[in-house]
Amino acid sequence: MAKQAPVTDVIVMGEHPAAYLCAALLRQKGGIEVVHATLPHEPPHDRLVTINPEFFDLHKLLEPLKKKLKLTPLWGLQFLGDDATLVSEPHRDRAPCAYVGSYRDVRAALEKLACGEGVRCVKAKSLEVTHANESGVDVALGSEKLHARVVALAGSLPEPSRRVLGVPDSWPSEIVRRYTYLRLKGAKWAEVPAKPTMPMSLDL
């Protein structure tokens, strides 16, 4: 008889900074066992990332990162079109409207944050989703086998693992995905502020 895989509450997969933040926030809820696993086929990113200033106010865990990360503030923005004659009016403010930093540094800081919160961080040489049913998902992290009640994915899985989970190769074009911020107060979601916020890719 095959040995039953150890059960964990949540496995968060992906190298994206959001995966580490997700794992850290889940771990903060008492009694939840969280494993974070990188996706071996994902190449490490080394590029600049634009960060909305609102990001650091989303949760108390993120507040110290503003001082720890090497960030360059942007005090104004102007949007340019492909046609050189199409430009927006310049936007200037006394407060920074964005920060620019290293994606690699942001990811590393959030990985450290997650591990510091008690998330078990695994960098397996291989990752495969082998089975899924109502009780959870079986995942092979190299030679280690785990059974997770919940899987959170921030990245793309190889085709065999996508098939097990029923994840499509691509989303239909009619599906519109929108992103916004919700501020956490304790364990409850707060209302979205009435003050308009600048739409901006956070890469997180």
N, C-alpha and C. Protein backbone atom coordinates (compact mmCIF):
# COMPACT_ATOMS: atom_id res chain seq x y z
N MET A 1 0.85 -1.20 0.00
CA MET A 1 0.00 0.00 0.00
C MET A 1 0.88 1.24 0.00
N ALA A 2 0.55 2.20 -0.89
CA ALA A 2 1.37 3.40 -1.01
C ALA A 2 1.22 4.27 0.23
N LYS A 3 2.32 4.87 0.63
CA LYS A 3 2.31 5.75 1.78
C LYS A 3 1.55 7.03 1.46
N GLN A 4 0.66 7.46 2.35
CA GLN A 4 -0.14 8.65 2.11
C GLN A 4 0.72 9.91 2.23
N ALA A 5 0.55 10.83 1.28
CA ALA A 5 1.34 12.06 1.28
C ALA A 5 0.93 12.95 2.45
N PRO A 6 1.90 13.66 3.06
CA PRO A 6 1.55 14.59 4.14
C PRO A 6 0.57 15.65 3.63
N VAL A 7 -0.36 16.03 4.52
CA VAL A 7 -1.39 17.00 4.15
C VAL A 7 -0.96 18.39 4.61
N THR A 8 -1.07 19.36 3.71
CA THR A 8 -0.85 20.76 4.06
C THR A 8 -2.09 21.54 3.68
N ASP A 9 -2.31 22.68 4.31
CA ASP A 9 -3.52 23.45 4.05
C ASP A 9 -3.49 24.10 2.66
N VAL A 10 -2.39 24.82 2.38
CA VAL A 10 -2.31 25.58 1.12
C VAL A 10 -0.91 25.44 0.52
N ILE A 11 -0.86 25.22 -0.80
CA ILE A 11 0.38 25.35 -1.55
C ILE A 11 0.23 26.53 -2.49
N VAL A 12 1.14 27.48 -2.37
CA VAL A 12 1.17 28.63 -3.27
C VAL A 12 2.32 28.41 -4.24
N MET A 13 2.03 28.47 -5.55
CA MET A 13 3.04 28.18 -6.57
C MET A 13 3.34 29.43 -7.38
N GLY A 14 4.61 29.66 -7.65
CA GLY A 14 4.99 30.75 -8.54
C GLY A 14 6.07 31.63 -7.96
N GLU A 15 6.90 32.17 -8.85
CA GLU A 15 8.02 33.03 -8.47
C GLU A 15 7.58 34.49 -8.37
N HIS A 16 6.36 34.80 -8.83
CA HIS A 16 5.87 36.17 -8.83
C HIS A 16 5.80 36.72 -7.40
N PRO A 17 6.16 37.99 -7.19
CA PRO A 17 6.08 38.56 -5.84
C PRO A 17 4.73 38.39 -5.17
N ALA A 18 3.64 38.41 -5.96
CA ALA A 18 2.31 38.25 -5.39
C ALA A 18 2.14 36.90 -4.72
N ALA A 19 2.85 35.88 -5.22
CA ALA A 19 2.75 34.55 -4.63
C ALA A 19 3.31 34.55 -3.21
N TYR A 20 4.43 35.24 -3.02
CA TYR A 20 5.02 35.31 -1.68
C TYR A 20 4.14 36.12 -0.73
N LEU A 21 3.56 37.21 -1.23
CA LEU A 21 2.67 38.02 -0.40
C LEU A 21 1.44 37.21 -0.02
N CYS A 22 0.88 36.49 -0.97
CA CYS A 22 -0.28 35.64 -0.70
C CYS A 22 0.05 34.63 0.39
N ALA A 23 1.20 33.99 0.28
CA ALA A 23 1.60 32.98 1.26
C ALA A 23 1.77 33.59 2.65
N ALA A 24 2.37 34.78 2.71
CA ALA A 24 2.59 35.44 4.00
C ALA A 24 1.27 35.81 4.66
N LEU A 25 0.31 36.33 3.88
CA LEU A 25 -0.98 36.73 4.44
C LEU A 25 -1.77 35.52 4.91
N LEU A 26 -1.69 34.42 4.15
CA LEU A 26 -2.37 33.19 4.58
C LEU A 26 -1.77 32.66 5.87
N ARG A 27 -0.45 32.71 5.96
CA ARG A 27 0.25 32.18 7.14
C ARG A 27 -0.10 32.98 8.39
N GLN A 28 -0.37 34.28 8.20
CA GLN A 28 -0.72 35.12 9.34
C GLN A 28 -2.02 34.67 10.01
N LYS A 29 -2.88 34.02 9.25
CA LYS A 29 -4.11 33.49 9.85
C LYS A 29 -3.71 32.26 10.67
N GLY A 30 -3.89 32.30 11.95
CA GLY A 30 -3.41 31.25 12.84
C GLY A 30 -3.86 29.85 12.45
N GLY A 31 -2.92 28.92 12.52
CA GLY A 31 -3.25 27.52 12.31
C GLY A 31 -3.23 27.06 10.87
N ILE A 32 -2.96 27.96 9.91
CA ILE A 32 -2.92 27.57 8.50
C ILE A 32 -1.49 27.22 8.12
N GLU A 33 -1.29 26.00 7.65
CA GLU A 33 0.04 25.58 7.19
C GLU A 33 0.16 25.94 5.71
N VAL A 34 1.22 26.67 5.39
CA VAL A 34 1.40 27.17 4.02
C VAL A 34 2.77 26.75 3.49
N VAL A 35 2.77 26.21 2.27
CA VAL A 35 4.00 25.89 1.56
C VAL A 35 4.06 26.75 0.31
N HIS A 36 5.19 27.39 0.07
CA HIS A 36 5.38 28.10 -1.19
C HIS A 36 6.38 27.32 -2.03
N ALA A 37 6.02 27.09 -3.30
CA ALA A 37 6.90 26.35 -4.21
C ALA A 37 7.11 27.16 -5.47
N THR A 38 8.37 27.32 -5.87
CA THR A 38 8.65 27.98 -7.14
C THR A 38 8.33 27.03 -8.28
N LEU A 39 8.06 27.59 -9.45
CA LEU A 39 7.82 26.79 -10.65
C LEU A 39 9.15 26.68 -11.39
N PRO A 40 9.72 25.47 -11.46
CA PRO A 40 11.10 25.32 -11.97
C PRO A 40 11.30 25.86 -13.38
N HIS A 41 10.26 25.83 -14.23
CA HIS A 41 10.44 26.27 -15.61
C HIS A 41 10.38 27.79 -15.77
N GLU A 42 10.02 28.51 -14.69
CA GLU A 42 9.93 29.96 -14.79
C GLU A 42 11.32 30.59 -14.74
N PRO A 43 11.69 31.38 -15.75
CA PRO A 43 13.01 32.03 -15.70
C PRO A 43 13.00 33.17 -14.68
N PRO A 44 14.12 33.42 -14.01
CA PRO A 44 14.16 34.55 -13.07
C PRO A 44 14.09 35.88 -13.83
N HIS A 45 13.25 36.78 -13.35
CA HIS A 45 13.10 38.08 -14.00
C HIS A 45 14.18 39.03 -13.51
N ASP A 46 14.69 39.87 -14.41
CA ASP A 46 15.62 40.92 -14.03
C ASP A 46 15.25 42.15 -14.85
N ARG A 47 14.34 42.93 -14.31
CA ARG A 47 13.82 44.09 -15.03
C ARG A 47 13.34 45.11 -14.01
N LEU A 48 12.92 46.24 -14.50
CA LEU A 48 12.36 47.27 -13.62
C LEU A 48 10.87 47.04 -13.47
N VAL A 49 10.35 47.44 -12.32
CA VAL A 49 8.93 47.30 -12.04
C VAL A 49 8.41 48.62 -11.51
N THR A 50 7.20 48.99 -11.94
CA THR A 50 6.53 50.20 -11.46
C THR A 50 5.61 49.83 -10.31
N ILE A 51 5.72 50.55 -9.22
CA ILE A 51 4.94 50.24 -8.02
C ILE A 51 4.08 51.44 -7.65
N ASN A 52 2.80 51.19 -7.48
CA ASN A 52 1.87 52.22 -7.04
C ASN A 52 2.16 52.54 -5.57
N PRO A 53 2.24 53.81 -5.19
CA PRO A 53 2.50 54.15 -3.78
C PRO A 53 1.49 53.55 -2.81
N GLU A 54 0.25 53.33 -3.28
CA GLU A 54 -0.78 52.74 -2.41
C GLU A 54 -0.41 51.34 -1.95
N PHE A 55 0.48 50.68 -2.68
CA PHE A 55 0.83 49.30 -2.37
C PHE A 55 1.32 49.13 -0.94
N PHE A 56 2.16 50.04 -0.49
CA PHE A 56 2.79 49.88 0.83
C PHE A 56 1.81 50.11 1.99
N ASP A 57 0.65 50.68 1.69
CA ASP A 57 -0.36 50.92 2.72
C ASP A 57 -1.42 49.83 2.77
N LEU A 58 -1.29 48.82 1.92
CA LEU A 58 -2.32 47.78 1.86
C LEU A 58 -2.38 46.92 3.11
N HIS A 59 -1.23 46.67 3.72
CA HIS A 59 -1.17 45.79 4.89
C HIS A 59 0.06 46.14 5.71
N LYS A 60 -0.03 45.94 7.02
CA LYS A 60 1.08 46.31 7.90
C LYS A 60 2.36 45.55 7.57
N LEU A 61 2.24 44.36 6.98
CA LEU A 61 3.44 43.61 6.60
C LEU A 61 4.26 44.33 5.53
N LEU A 62 3.59 45.15 4.72
CA LEU A 62 4.25 45.80 3.59
C LEU A 62 4.87 47.14 3.94
N GLU A 63 4.46 47.73 5.05
CA GLU A 63 4.94 49.07 5.40
C GLU A 63 6.46 49.17 5.47
N PRO A 64 7.17 48.21 6.10
CA PRO A 64 8.63 48.34 6.19
C PRO A 64 9.35 48.23 4.85
N LEU A 65 8.72 47.63 3.85
CA LEU A 65 9.39 47.43 2.57
C LEU A 65 9.72 48.74 1.87
N LYS A 66 8.92 49.76 2.12
CA LYS A 66 9.14 51.05 1.46
C LYS A 66 10.52 51.60 1.79
N LYS A 67 10.98 51.37 3.02
CA LYS A 67 12.30 51.86 3.43
C LYS A 67 13.41 50.88 3.07
N LYS A 68 13.08 49.60 2.99
CA LYS A 68 14.12 48.59 2.72
C LYS A 68 14.48 48.50 1.24
N LEU A 69 13.51 48.75 0.37
CA LEU A 69 13.76 48.63 -1.06
C LEU A 69 14.41 49.90 -1.61
N LYS A 70 15.27 49.72 -2.60
CA LYS A 70 15.87 50.86 -3.29
C LYS A 70 14.90 51.28 -4.39
N LEU A 71 14.20 52.41 -4.16
CA LEU A 71 13.14 52.85 -5.07
C LEU A 71 13.41 54.26 -5.57
N THR A 72 13.08 54.49 -6.82
CA THR A 72 13.19 55.83 -7.40
C THR A 72 11.79 56.40 -7.57
N PRO A 73 11.48 57.53 -6.92
CA PRO A 73 10.13 58.10 -7.05
C PRO A 73 9.93 58.80 -8.39
N LEU A 74 8.72 58.71 -8.91
CA LEU A 74 8.33 59.47 -10.09
C LEU A 74 7.35 60.56 -9.64
N TRP A 75 7.68 61.81 -9.99
CA TRP A 75 6.85 62.93 -9.53
C TRP A 75 5.89 63.40 -10.61
N GLY A 76 5.98 62.81 -11.78
CA GLY A 76 5.07 63.20 -12.85
C GLY A 76 5.01 62.12 -13.92
N LEU A 77 3.92 62.12 -14.67
CA LEU A 77 3.72 61.15 -15.73
C LEU A 77 3.18 61.84 -16.96
N GLN A 78 3.56 61.33 -18.12
CA GLN A 78 2.95 61.75 -19.37
C GLN A 78 2.86 60.53 -20.27
N PHE A 79 1.67 60.27 -20.77
CA PHE A 79 1.45 59.07 -21.57
C PHE A 79 1.63 59.40 -23.05
N LEU A 80 2.39 58.56 -23.74
CA LEU A 80 2.71 58.77 -25.15
C LEU A 80 2.06 57.67 -25.98
N GLY A 81 1.59 58.03 -27.16
CA GLY A 81 1.03 57.05 -28.08
C GLY A 81 2.07 56.61 -29.08
N ASP A 82 1.73 55.59 -29.88
CA ASP A 82 2.63 55.15 -30.95
C ASP A 82 2.86 56.28 -31.95
N ASP A 83 1.82 57.06 -32.16
CA ASP A 83 1.92 58.24 -33.01
C ASP A 83 2.53 59.37 -32.16
N ALA A 84 3.63 59.94 -32.61
CA ALA A 84 4.36 60.96 -31.84
C ALA A 84 3.50 62.18 -31.53
N THR A 85 2.44 62.40 -32.30
CA THR A 85 1.59 63.57 -32.06
C THR A 85 0.55 63.32 -30.97
N LEU A 86 0.40 62.06 -30.54
CA LEU A 86 -0.59 61.72 -29.51
C LEU A 86 0.08 61.66 -28.14
N VAL A 87 -0.12 62.67 -27.35
CA VAL A 87 0.44 62.72 -25.99
C VAL A 87 -0.63 63.25 -25.05
N SER A 88 -0.52 62.88 -23.78
CA SER A 88 -1.46 63.38 -22.77
C SER A 88 -0.89 64.65 -22.15
N GLU A 89 -1.73 65.34 -21.43
CA GLU A 89 -1.24 66.46 -20.62
C GLU A 89 -0.36 65.89 -19.52
N PRO A 90 0.77 66.54 -19.20
CA PRO A 90 1.61 66.02 -18.12
C PRO A 90 0.91 66.08 -16.77
N HIS A 91 1.11 65.06 -15.96
CA HIS A 91 0.53 65.00 -14.61
C HIS A 91 1.66 65.19 -13.61
N ARG A 92 1.53 66.19 -12.74
CA ARG A 92 2.54 66.44 -11.70
C ARG A 92 1.84 66.53 -10.35
N ASP A 93 2.58 66.12 -9.31
CA ASP A 93 1.99 66.16 -7.97
C ASP A 93 3.11 66.38 -6.96
N ARG A 94 2.74 66.82 -5.77
CA ARG A 94 3.75 66.99 -4.72
C ARG A 94 4.17 65.66 -4.13
N ALA A 95 3.28 64.68 -4.20
CA ALA A 95 3.61 63.33 -3.72
C ALA A 95 3.99 62.46 -4.92
N PRO A 96 4.86 61.48 -4.72
CA PRO A 96 5.23 60.59 -5.84
C PRO A 96 3.99 59.87 -6.38
N CYS A 97 3.87 59.83 -7.69
CA CYS A 97 2.74 59.11 -8.29
C CYS A 97 3.10 57.67 -8.59
N ALA A 98 4.38 57.34 -8.46
CA ALA A 98 4.81 55.96 -8.68
C ALA A 98 6.25 55.82 -8.19
N TYR A 99 6.65 54.57 -7.99
CA TYR A 99 8.04 54.25 -7.70
C TYR A 99 8.53 53.24 -8.73
N VAL A 100 9.81 53.31 -9.02
CA VAL A 100 10.43 52.33 -9.91
C VAL A 100 11.53 51.61 -9.12
N GLY A 101 11.51 50.29 -9.21
CA GLY A 101 12.51 49.50 -8.51
C GLY A 101 12.85 48.24 -9.29
N SER A 102 13.72 47.45 -8.73
CA SER A 102 14.14 46.19 -9.35
C SER A 102 13.13 45.09 -9.03
N TYR A 103 12.63 44.45 -10.06
CA TYR A 103 11.70 43.33 -9.86
C TYR A 103 12.35 42.25 -9.00
N ARG A 104 13.61 41.97 -9.25
CA ARG A 104 14.32 40.94 -8.50
C ARG A 104 14.40 41.30 -7.02
N ASP A 105 14.66 42.59 -6.72
CA ASP A 105 14.74 43.02 -5.32
C ASP A 105 13.38 42.93 -4.63
N VAL A 106 12.31 43.32 -5.35
CA VAL A 106 10.96 43.24 -4.78
C VAL A 106 10.61 41.78 -4.49
N ARG A 107 10.89 40.90 -5.44
CA ARG A 107 10.59 39.48 -5.25
C ARG A 107 11.37 38.92 -4.07
N ALA A 108 12.66 39.26 -3.98
CA ALA A 108 13.50 38.75 -2.89
C ALA A 108 13.00 39.25 -1.53
N ALA A 109 12.58 40.51 -1.47
CA ALA A 109 12.08 41.08 -0.20
C ALA A 109 10.80 40.38 0.24
N LEU A 110 9.91 40.08 -0.71
CA LEU A 110 8.66 39.42 -0.35
C LEU A 110 8.88 37.94 -0.04
N GLU A 111 9.88 37.33 -0.67
CA GLU A 111 10.23 35.95 -0.32
C GLU A 111 10.73 35.89 1.13
N LYS A 112 11.58 36.83 1.49
CA LYS A 112 12.09 36.90 2.86
C LYS A 112 10.96 37.14 3.85
N LEU A 113 10.01 37.99 3.45
CA LEU A 113 8.85 38.27 4.29
C LEU A 113 8.04 37.00 4.53
N ALA A 114 7.77 36.25 3.47
CA ALA A 114 6.97 35.03 3.59
C ALA A 114 7.67 34.01 4.48
N CYS A 115 8.95 33.79 4.23
CA CYS A 115 9.69 32.81 5.04
C CYS A 115 9.76 33.25 6.50
N GLY A 116 9.87 34.55 6.72
CA GLY A 116 9.90 35.07 8.09
C GLY A 116 8.58 34.90 8.82
N GLU A 117 7.48 34.79 8.07
CA GLU A 117 6.16 34.57 8.67
C GLU A 117 5.90 33.09 8.95
N GLY A 118 6.86 32.23 8.59
CA GLY A 118 6.68 30.81 8.87
C GLY A 118 6.22 29.99 7.68
N VAL A 119 6.21 30.60 6.48
CA VAL A 119 5.89 29.84 5.28
C VAL A 119 7.08 28.93 4.95
N ARG A 120 6.80 27.68 4.63
CA ARG A 120 7.88 26.78 4.21
C ARG A 120 8.13 26.99 2.72
N CYS A 121 9.27 27.58 2.40
CA CYS A 121 9.60 27.92 1.02
C CYS A 121 10.43 26.80 0.39
N VAL A 122 9.94 26.25 -0.72
CA VAL A 122 10.57 25.11 -1.39
C VAL A 122 10.98 25.52 -2.80
N LYS A 123 12.24 25.27 -3.14
CA LYS A 123 12.72 25.49 -4.51
C LYS A 123 13.03 24.12 -5.11
N ALA A 124 11.99 23.45 -5.54
CA ALA A 124 12.14 22.10 -6.08
C ALA A 124 12.66 22.16 -7.51
N LYS A 125 13.46 21.14 -7.90
CA LYS A 125 13.96 21.09 -9.28
C LYS A 125 12.87 20.66 -10.25
N SER A 126 11.81 20.06 -9.72
CA SER A 126 10.68 19.69 -10.56
C SER A 126 9.40 19.84 -9.74
N LEU A 127 8.31 20.14 -10.43
CA LEU A 127 7.00 20.29 -9.77
C LEU A 127 5.96 19.71 -10.72
N GLU A 128 5.10 18.84 -10.18
CA GLU A 128 4.06 18.23 -10.99
C GLU A 128 2.80 18.04 -10.17
N VAL A 129 1.67 18.48 -10.72
CA VAL A 129 0.36 18.20 -10.11
C VAL A 129 -0.08 16.85 -10.64
N THR A 130 -0.23 15.88 -9.74
CA THR A 130 -0.48 14.50 -10.19
C THR A 130 -1.94 14.07 -10.08
N HIS A 131 -2.70 14.69 -9.19
CA HIS A 131 -4.09 14.25 -8.99
C HIS A 131 -4.87 15.36 -8.29
N ALA A 132 -6.15 15.47 -8.61
CA ALA A 132 -7.01 16.45 -7.94
C ALA A 132 -8.40 15.87 -7.77
N ASN A 133 -8.99 16.06 -6.58
CA ASN A 133 -10.37 15.66 -6.34
C ASN A 133 -10.97 16.58 -5.28
N GLU A 134 -12.12 16.20 -4.73
CA GLU A 134 -12.81 17.07 -3.78
C GLU A 134 -12.02 17.30 -2.50
N SER A 135 -11.11 16.39 -2.17
CA SER A 135 -10.35 16.54 -0.93
C SER A 135 -9.11 17.41 -1.08
N GLY A 136 -8.71 17.68 -2.31
CA GLY A 136 -7.52 18.50 -2.51
C GLY A 136 -6.72 18.10 -3.73
N VAL A 137 -5.46 18.47 -3.72
CA VAL A 137 -4.58 18.29 -4.88
C VAL A 137 -3.28 17.63 -4.43
N ASP A 138 -2.85 16.62 -5.20
CA ASP A 138 -1.57 15.96 -4.95
C ASP A 138 -0.50 16.63 -5.81
N VAL A 139 0.59 17.03 -5.15
CA VAL A 139 1.68 17.73 -5.83
C VAL A 139 3.00 17.04 -5.51
N ALA A 140 3.79 16.80 -6.54
CA ALA A 140 5.14 16.24 -6.35
C ALA A 140 6.14 17.38 -6.50
N LEU A 141 6.85 17.68 -5.41
CA LEU A 141 7.90 18.69 -5.42
C LEU A 141 9.24 17.96 -5.41
N GLY A 142 9.78 17.67 -6.60
CA GLY A 142 10.94 16.81 -6.67
C GLY A 142 10.54 15.42 -6.18
N SER A 143 11.25 14.89 -5.19
CA SER A 143 10.92 13.58 -4.64
C SER A 143 9.89 13.66 -3.51
N GLU A 144 9.59 14.87 -3.05
CA GLU A 144 8.62 15.06 -1.96
C GLU A 144 7.21 15.12 -2.51
N LYS A 145 6.28 14.41 -1.87
CA LYS A 145 4.88 14.41 -2.29
C LYS A 145 4.03 15.04 -1.19
N LEU A 146 3.14 15.95 -1.59
CA LEU A 146 2.26 16.63 -0.66
C LEU A 146 0.82 16.56 -1.15
N HIS A 147 -0.11 16.62 -0.21
CA HIS A 147 -1.53 16.72 -0.54
C HIS A 147 -2.02 18.04 0.03
N ALA A 148 -2.42 18.96 -0.84
CA ALA A 148 -2.85 20.28 -0.41
C ALA A 148 -4.36 20.40 -0.51
N ARG A 149 -4.95 21.00 0.51
CA ARG A 149 -6.40 21.24 0.46
C ARG A 149 -6.73 22.34 -0.56
N VAL A 150 -5.81 23.32 -0.70
CA VAL A 150 -6.02 24.45 -1.61
C VAL A 150 -4.72 24.74 -2.34
N VAL A 151 -4.84 25.10 -3.62
CA VAL A 151 -3.67 25.52 -4.42
C VAL A 151 -3.93 26.94 -4.90
N ALA A 152 -2.94 27.83 -4.70
CA ALA A 152 -2.98 29.18 -5.27
C ALA A 152 -1.86 29.26 -6.29
N LEU A 153 -2.19 29.67 -7.51
CA LEU A 153 -1.22 29.66 -8.60
C LEU A 153 -0.95 31.07 -9.10
N ALA A 154 0.34 31.44 -9.14
CA ALA A 154 0.76 32.73 -9.72
C ALA A 154 1.81 32.43 -10.77
N GLY A 155 1.37 31.99 -11.91
CA GLY A 155 2.28 31.59 -12.98
C GLY A 155 1.61 30.56 -13.85
N SER A 156 2.35 29.97 -14.74
CA SER A 156 1.78 28.97 -15.65
C SER A 156 2.41 27.61 -15.38
N LEU A 157 1.57 26.58 -15.39
CA LEU A 157 2.02 25.21 -15.17
C LEU A 157 2.26 24.52 -16.52
N PRO A 158 3.10 23.48 -16.54
CA PRO A 158 3.23 22.68 -17.76
C PRO A 158 1.89 22.02 -18.10
N GLU A 159 1.73 21.67 -19.37
CA GLU A 159 0.45 21.17 -19.87
C GLU A 159 -0.11 19.99 -19.08
N PRO A 160 0.67 18.96 -18.71
CA PRO A 160 0.08 17.84 -17.95
C PRO A 160 -0.53 18.28 -16.61
N SER A 161 0.14 19.20 -15.92
CA SER A 161 -0.40 19.69 -14.64
C SER A 161 -1.63 20.56 -14.86
N ARG A 162 -1.63 21.36 -15.92
CA ARG A 162 -2.82 22.16 -16.23
C ARG A 162 -4.02 21.26 -16.50
N ARG A 163 -3.77 20.15 -17.20
CA ARG A 163 -4.86 19.23 -17.54
C ARG A 163 -5.46 18.61 -16.28
N VAL A 164 -4.62 18.26 -15.30
CA VAL A 164 -5.11 17.68 -14.05
C VAL A 164 -6.01 18.67 -13.31
N LEU A 165 -5.62 19.93 -13.33
CA LEU A 165 -6.39 20.96 -12.62
C LEU A 165 -7.53 21.52 -13.44
N GLY A 166 -7.57 21.20 -14.74
CA GLY A 166 -8.62 21.75 -15.59
C GLY A 166 -8.38 23.19 -15.96
N VAL A 167 -7.11 23.64 -15.95
CA VAL A 167 -6.78 25.02 -16.30
C VAL A 167 -6.59 25.10 -17.81
N PRO A 168 -7.27 26.04 -18.49
CA PRO A 168 -7.13 26.13 -19.96
C PRO A 168 -5.75 26.64 -20.37
N ASP A 169 -5.39 26.36 -21.61
CA ASP A 169 -4.11 26.85 -22.14
C ASP A 169 -4.12 28.37 -22.24
N SER A 170 -5.26 28.94 -22.55
CA SER A 170 -5.40 30.40 -22.62
C SER A 170 -6.84 30.76 -22.30
N TRP A 171 -7.05 31.97 -21.81
CA TRP A 171 -8.39 32.41 -21.46
C TRP A 171 -9.07 33.01 -22.67
N PRO A 172 -10.38 32.78 -22.86
CA PRO A 172 -11.10 33.36 -23.99
C PRO A 172 -10.98 34.88 -23.99
N SER A 173 -10.94 35.46 -25.20
CA SER A 173 -10.73 36.90 -25.32
C SER A 173 -11.86 37.71 -24.70
N GLU A 174 -13.07 37.10 -24.57
CA GLU A 174 -14.19 37.86 -24.00
C GLU A 174 -14.10 37.99 -22.48
N ILE A 175 -13.20 37.24 -21.86
CA ILE A 175 -13.03 37.36 -20.41
C ILE A 175 -12.16 38.58 -20.12
N VAL A 176 -12.74 39.55 -19.43
CA VAL A 176 -12.00 40.76 -19.08
C VAL A 176 -11.55 40.64 -17.64
N ARG A 177 -10.27 40.83 -17.43
CA ARG A 177 -9.74 40.76 -16.07
C ARG A 177 -9.39 42.17 -15.60
N ARG A 178 -9.90 42.53 -14.44
CA ARG A 178 -9.61 43.85 -13.88
C ARG A 178 -8.92 43.67 -12.53
N TYR A 179 -8.05 44.61 -12.22
CA TYR A 179 -7.31 44.55 -10.99
C TYR A 179 -7.55 45.82 -10.19
N THR A 180 -7.70 45.69 -8.89
CA THR A 180 -7.86 46.85 -8.04
C THR A 180 -7.27 46.53 -6.67
N TYR A 181 -7.28 47.51 -5.79
CA TYR A 181 -6.75 47.32 -4.44
C TYR A 181 -7.88 47.20 -3.45
N LEU A 182 -7.74 46.31 -2.49
CA LEU A 182 -8.61 46.26 -1.33
C LEU A 182 -7.72 46.25 -0.10
N ARG A 183 -7.98 47.15 0.80
CA ARG A 183 -7.13 47.27 1.99
C ARG A 183 -7.60 46.29 3.06
N LEU A 184 -6.65 45.60 3.69
CA LEU A 184 -6.98 44.66 4.76
C LEU A 184 -6.88 45.35 6.11
N LYS A 185 -7.92 45.18 6.93
CA LYS A 185 -7.87 45.64 8.31
C LYS A 185 -8.11 44.41 9.18
N GLY A 186 -7.05 43.90 9.79
CA GLY A 186 -7.16 42.66 10.54
C GLY A 186 -7.48 41.54 9.57
N ALA A 187 -8.57 40.84 9.80
CA ALA A 187 -8.97 39.74 8.93
C ALA A 187 -10.11 40.14 8.01
N LYS A 188 -10.48 41.43 7.98
CA LYS A 188 -11.63 41.86 7.20
C LYS A 188 -11.18 42.78 6.06
N TRP A 189 -11.91 42.68 4.94
CA TRP A 189 -11.67 43.58 3.83
C TRP A 189 -12.36 44.91 4.12
N ALA A 190 -11.65 46.01 3.90
CA ALA A 190 -12.24 47.33 4.07
C ALA A 190 -12.89 47.76 2.76
N GLU A 191 -13.72 48.77 2.85
CA GLU A 191 -14.37 49.29 1.66
C GLU A 191 -13.34 49.98 0.77
N VAL A 192 -13.58 49.94 -0.54
CA VAL A 192 -12.70 50.65 -1.47
C VAL A 192 -12.89 52.15 -1.27
N PRO A 193 -11.81 52.93 -1.11
CA PRO A 193 -11.97 54.36 -0.85
C PRO A 193 -12.63 55.06 -2.03
N ALA A 194 -13.38 56.12 -1.72
CA ALA A 194 -14.07 56.88 -2.76
C ALA A 194 -13.09 57.69 -3.59
N LYS A 195 -11.94 58.05 -3.00
CA LYS A 195 -10.95 58.85 -3.72
C LYS A 195 -10.45 58.07 -4.94
N PRO A 196 -10.48 58.67 -6.12
CA PRO A 196 -10.03 57.94 -7.31
C PRO A 196 -8.55 57.63 -7.24
N THR A 197 -8.19 56.45 -7.71
CA THR A 197 -6.77 56.06 -7.73
C THR A 197 -6.33 55.93 -9.18
N MET A 198 -5.04 56.17 -9.39
CA MET A 198 -4.49 56.08 -10.73
C MET A 198 -4.34 54.61 -11.13
N PRO A 199 -4.94 54.17 -12.23
CA PRO A 199 -4.74 52.79 -12.66
C PRO A 199 -3.29 52.58 -13.06
N MET A 200 -2.67 51.58 -12.52
CA MET A 200 -1.25 51.38 -12.77
C MET A 200 -0.90 49.92 -12.58
N SER A 201 -0.09 49.40 -13.46
CA SER A 201 0.39 48.02 -13.31
C SER A 201 1.31 47.96 -12.11
N LEU A 202 1.02 47.07 -11.19
CA LEU A 202 1.86 46.91 -10.01
C LEU A 202 2.81 45.74 -10.18
N ASP A 203 2.53 44.88 -11.14
CA ASP A 203 3.29 43.65 -11.33
C ASP A 203 3.23 42.78 -10.11
N LEU A 204 2.30 43.05 -9.22
CA LEU A 204 2.17 42.26 -8.00
C LEU A 204 0.74 41.80 -7.86
